[in-house]
Protein backbone atom coordinates (compact mmCIF):
# COMPACT_ATOMS: atom_id res chain seq x y z
CA MET A 1 48.63 2.83 -64.09
CA ASP A 2 46.31 0.01 -65.09
CA ARG A 3 44.56 1.64 -68.04
CA ALA A 4 42.63 -1.51 -68.96
CA ALA A 5 41.12 -1.72 -65.47
CA ILE A 6 40.21 1.98 -65.50
CA LEU A 7 38.57 1.68 -68.92
CA LEU A 8 36.64 -1.38 -67.75
CA SER A 9 35.46 0.51 -64.67
CA LEU A 10 34.37 3.46 -66.81
CA ARG A 11 32.48 1.12 -69.12
CA LEU A 12 30.80 -0.61 -66.19
CA ALA A 13 29.88 2.71 -64.58
CA ALA A 14 28.42 4.05 -67.84
CA TRP A 15 26.23 0.99 -68.44
CA THR A 16 25.12 0.88 -64.80
CA THR A 17 24.14 4.54 -64.88
CA LEU A 18 22.21 4.09 -68.13
CA LEU A 19 20.31 1.03 -66.90
CA LEU A 20 19.47 2.65 -63.56
CA LEU A 21 18.21 5.72 -65.37
CA MET A 22 15.77 3.56 -67.33
CA LEU A 23 14.82 1.29 -64.42
CA GLY A 24 15.13 3.75 -61.57
CA LEU A 25 12.96 6.55 -62.93
CA PRO A 26 9.71 4.52 -63.06
CA LEU A 27 10.42 3.05 -59.63
CA SER A 28 11.25 6.49 -58.22
CA TRP A 29 8.10 8.01 -59.68
CA TRP A 30 6.03 5.28 -58.05
CA LEU A 31 7.78 5.83 -54.71
CA ALA A 32 7.23 9.57 -54.97
CA THR A 33 3.52 9.37 -55.79
CA SER A 34 2.22 6.08 -54.37
CA ARG A 35 0.02 6.09 -51.26
CA TRP A 36 0.30 2.32 -50.72
CA ARG A 37 0.53 1.66 -46.98
CA TRP A 38 3.29 -0.93 -47.37
CA LYS A 39 5.46 1.27 -49.57
CA PHE A 40 8.04 1.50 -46.79
CA LEU A 41 8.93 -2.15 -47.37
CA VAL A 42 9.89 -1.39 -50.97
CA GLU A 43 11.89 1.62 -49.77
CA ALA A 44 13.71 -0.63 -47.29
CA VAL A 45 14.60 -3.15 -50.00
CA VAL A 46 15.86 -0.40 -52.29
CA SER A 47 18.01 1.08 -49.50
CA LEU A 48 19.35 -2.29 -48.30
CA PRO A 49 22.67 -2.03 -50.21
CA LEU A 50 23.47 1.09 -48.16
CA VAL A 51 23.79 -0.91 -44.93
CA LEU A 52 24.42 -4.45 -46.17
CA PRO A 53 28.12 -5.44 -46.36
CA PRO A 54 29.15 -5.68 -50.04
CA THR A 55 30.51 -9.19 -49.56
CA VAL A 56 27.16 -10.36 -48.17
CA LEU A 57 25.30 -8.93 -51.16
CA GLY A 58 27.94 -10.36 -53.49
CA PHE A 59 27.62 -13.80 -51.91
CA TYR A 60 23.86 -13.96 -52.42
CA LEU A 61 24.20 -12.59 -55.95
CA LEU A 62 26.80 -15.25 -56.71
CA LEU A 63 24.36 -17.93 -55.59
CA ALA A 64 21.47 -16.42 -57.56
CA LEU A 65 23.50 -15.82 -60.72
CA GLY A 66 25.34 -19.13 -60.68
CA PRO A 67 24.40 -22.06 -62.95
CA ARG A 68 22.34 -23.61 -60.15
CA GLY A 69 20.68 -20.35 -59.20
CA PRO A 70 17.26 -19.25 -60.49
CA LEU A 71 18.56 -16.31 -62.51
CA GLY A 72 21.83 -17.86 -63.61
CA GLY A 73 20.20 -21.11 -64.70
CA ALA A 74 17.61 -19.30 -66.80
CA PHE A 75 20.29 -17.08 -68.36
CA GLU A 76 22.48 -20.05 -69.25
CA SER A 77 19.58 -21.94 -70.85
CA LEU A 78 18.69 -18.90 -72.98
CA PHE A 79 22.14 -17.62 -73.98
CA GLY A 80 24.45 -20.58 -73.39
CA SER A 81 26.81 -18.69 -71.08
CA THR A 82 27.11 -17.99 -67.37
CA LEU A 83 26.86 -14.67 -65.57
CA PRO A 84 29.47 -15.08 -62.79
CA PHE A 85 33.00 -14.03 -63.74
CA SER A 86 31.75 -12.11 -66.77
CA PHE A 87 31.00 -8.48 -67.57
CA GLY A 88 27.28 -9.28 -67.60
CA GLY A 89 27.50 -10.55 -64.05
CA LEU A 90 29.40 -7.43 -63.01
CA LEU A 91 26.68 -5.29 -64.57
CA VAL A 92 23.86 -7.08 -62.74
CA ALA A 93 25.71 -6.79 -59.44
CA SER A 94 26.52 -3.13 -59.99
CA VAL A 95 22.93 -2.25 -60.88
CA LEU A 96 21.63 -3.82 -57.67
CA TYR A 97 24.40 -2.43 -55.49
CA SER A 98 24.06 1.12 -56.87
CA LEU A 99 20.26 1.10 -56.86
CA PRO A 100 19.78 3.42 -53.83
CA PHE A 101 22.33 5.89 -55.16
CA SER A 102 20.08 6.59 -58.12
CA VAL A 103 16.59 5.90 -56.77
CA GLN A 104 16.86 8.07 -53.66
CA PRO A 105 17.98 11.26 -55.49
CA PHE A 106 15.48 10.55 -58.27
CA THR A 107 12.65 10.13 -55.76
CA ALA A 108 13.54 13.32 -53.90
CA ALA A 109 13.63 15.30 -57.15
CA LEU A 110 10.36 13.89 -58.46
CA ALA A 111 8.59 14.40 -55.11
CA GLY A 112 9.59 18.06 -55.20
CA VAL A 113 7.53 18.79 -58.32
CA ASP A 114 4.47 20.91 -57.48
CA ARG A 115 1.38 18.70 -57.61
CA ARG A 116 -0.69 21.64 -58.84
CA LEU A 117 1.30 21.78 -62.06
CA LEU A 118 0.51 18.14 -62.74
CA GLU A 119 -3.18 18.65 -62.08
CA ALA A 120 -3.23 21.70 -64.36
CA SER A 121 -1.62 19.67 -67.13
CA TRP A 122 -4.17 16.88 -66.70
CA CYS A 123 -7.04 19.38 -66.77
CA LEU A 124 -5.74 20.66 -70.11
CA GLY A 125 -6.11 17.17 -71.55
CA VAL A 126 -2.45 16.16 -71.49
CA SER A 127 -1.95 12.48 -70.75
CA ARG A 128 -0.09 11.33 -67.68
CA PHE A 129 2.82 10.07 -69.75
CA GLN A 130 3.12 13.32 -71.69
CA THR A 131 2.85 15.27 -68.44
CA PHE A 132 5.72 13.22 -67.04
CA LEU A 133 7.85 13.99 -70.10
CA ARG A 134 6.95 17.67 -70.49
CA VAL A 135 6.47 18.79 -66.89
CA VAL A 136 7.98 16.37 -64.38
CA LEU A 137 11.28 15.60 -66.08
CA PRO A 138 12.27 19.21 -66.87
CA LEU A 139 11.47 20.36 -63.32
CA SER A 140 13.40 17.50 -61.72
CA ALA A 141 16.27 17.37 -64.23
CA THR A 142 18.87 18.71 -61.80
CA GLY A 143 18.08 16.08 -59.17
CA ILE A 144 18.03 13.33 -61.77
CA LEU A 145 21.42 14.43 -63.08
CA SER A 146 22.75 14.46 -59.52
CA GLY A 147 21.59 10.87 -59.05
CA MET A 148 23.23 9.81 -62.30
CA VAL A 149 26.52 11.40 -61.27
CA LEU A 150 26.45 9.71 -57.87
CA THR A 151 25.63 6.36 -59.46
CA PHE A 152 28.51 6.66 -61.92
CA ALA A 153 30.99 7.60 -59.19
CA HIS A 154 29.81 4.88 -56.81
CA THR A 155 30.08 2.20 -59.48
CA LEU A 156 33.55 3.36 -60.41
CA GLY A 157 34.84 2.59 -56.91
CA GLU A 158 33.06 -0.71 -56.23
CA PHE A 159 35.19 -3.48 -54.80
CA GLY A 160 33.51 -6.16 -52.65
CA VAL A 161 30.52 -6.91 -54.84
CA VAL A 162 32.40 -6.96 -58.14
CA LEU A 163 35.15 -9.11 -56.65
CA MET A 164 32.65 -11.68 -55.36
CA VAL A 165 30.65 -11.87 -58.59
CA GLY A 166 33.30 -11.16 -61.22
CA GLY A 167 36.51 -12.35 -59.68
CA ASN A 168 39.78 -10.91 -60.95
CA LEU A 169 40.14 -11.70 -64.63
CA GLU A 170 42.42 -9.28 -66.46
CA GLY A 171 40.65 -7.45 -69.27
CA ARG A 172 37.28 -9.00 -68.36
CA THR A 173 36.36 -8.38 -64.74
CA ARG A 174 39.34 -6.62 -63.14
CA THR A 175 38.14 -3.15 -62.20
CA ALA A 176 40.25 -0.21 -61.03
CA SER A 177 39.64 -0.87 -57.34
CA ILE A 178 40.68 -4.53 -57.70
CA SER A 179 43.76 -3.44 -59.66
CA ILE A 180 44.79 -1.15 -56.79
CA TYR A 181 44.36 -4.01 -54.32
CA ASP A 182 46.48 -6.33 -56.49
CA ALA A 183 49.21 -3.72 -56.84
CA VAL A 184 49.37 -3.17 -53.08
CA GLN A 185 49.54 -6.93 -52.47
CA ALA A 186 52.45 -7.07 -54.92
CA LEU A 187 54.12 -4.12 -53.14
CA ASP A 188 53.88 -2.09 -56.34
CA TYR A 189 52.90 1.11 -54.58
CA ALA A 190 53.81 3.32 -57.54
CA SER A 191 51.27 1.65 -59.82
CA ALA A 192 48.67 1.57 -57.05
CA GLY A 193 49.27 5.25 -56.35
CA ARG A 194 48.80 6.29 -59.98
CA THR A 195 45.54 4.36 -60.36
CA ALA A 196 44.31 5.57 -56.97
CA LEU A 197 45.13 9.18 -57.90
CA VAL A 198 42.92 8.93 -60.98
CA LEU A 199 40.01 7.69 -58.86
CA LEU A 200 40.68 10.33 -56.19
CA VAL A 201 40.63 13.21 -58.65
CA PHE A 202 37.58 11.88 -60.42
CA SER A 203 35.70 11.32 -57.15
CA PHE A 204 36.46 14.87 -56.03
CA LEU A 205 35.20 16.32 -59.30
CA VAL A 206 32.04 14.20 -59.06
CA LEU A 207 31.32 15.35 -55.51
CA ALA A 208 31.99 18.98 -56.43
CA LEU A 209 29.56 18.67 -59.33
CA THR A 210 26.95 16.99 -57.14
CA TYR A 211 27.12 19.60 -54.39
CA GLY A 212 27.06 22.33 -57.02
CA LEU A 213 23.86 20.90 -58.48
CA GLN A 214 22.30 20.59 -55.03
CA ARG A 215 23.22 24.20 -54.24
CA ARG A 216 21.56 25.28 -57.45
CA VAL A 217 18.40 23.40 -56.48
CA TRP A 218 18.23 25.02 -53.05
CA ALA A 219 18.98 28.45 -54.50
CA SER A 220 16.06 28.15 -56.92
CA TRP A 221 13.67 26.68 -54.34
CA PRO A 222 12.04 30.02 -53.24
CA THR A 223 11.17 30.88 -56.83
CA ARG A 224 9.15 27.67 -57.16
CA SER A 225 6.70 28.72 -54.51
């Protein structure tokens, strides 16, 4: 079992989940409450990684993050290093690729909060930000946690995007899925099987937790009305 690759995947999944929690919540709140007529275009962009082949997304990210790309050139001028074939590049790619897996559950949970509770909080003089912290987040915590779990699990199994952007550098960019692919190519099925078993068990536990959280939400739905 490739422990280094598994640890790298866990680290990448943890950072991706944390960043998408910070970036995805404001975006999800806007999507849940905005009445802008062109909001569907933003929703389409957010959901694009669901239907776009990972290699296509990885190709465009590689161009954008490369030294001649707009993002990669600015990053290199500021920090003196490049994003492709580095953990930073993997993180950027994972955040974009896993965006819908966090934003969509977040948006559904936030949209389910009773508008009357928000208006009551505002009438009592509570600011919108404090209302979001004290009312919205507690009521949508289960859905937010479900989105975080899905994001973590999805990042853990990424292959096409991380391979295009990060390559296959041992200890730096080789994730668990790439390690399995390498082991199969080398006919080392025992090693591939052990690493794959870890991902299989973890994925099952993640899905069981997610469906359990969703069941809890639906079970408590009648009490909200």
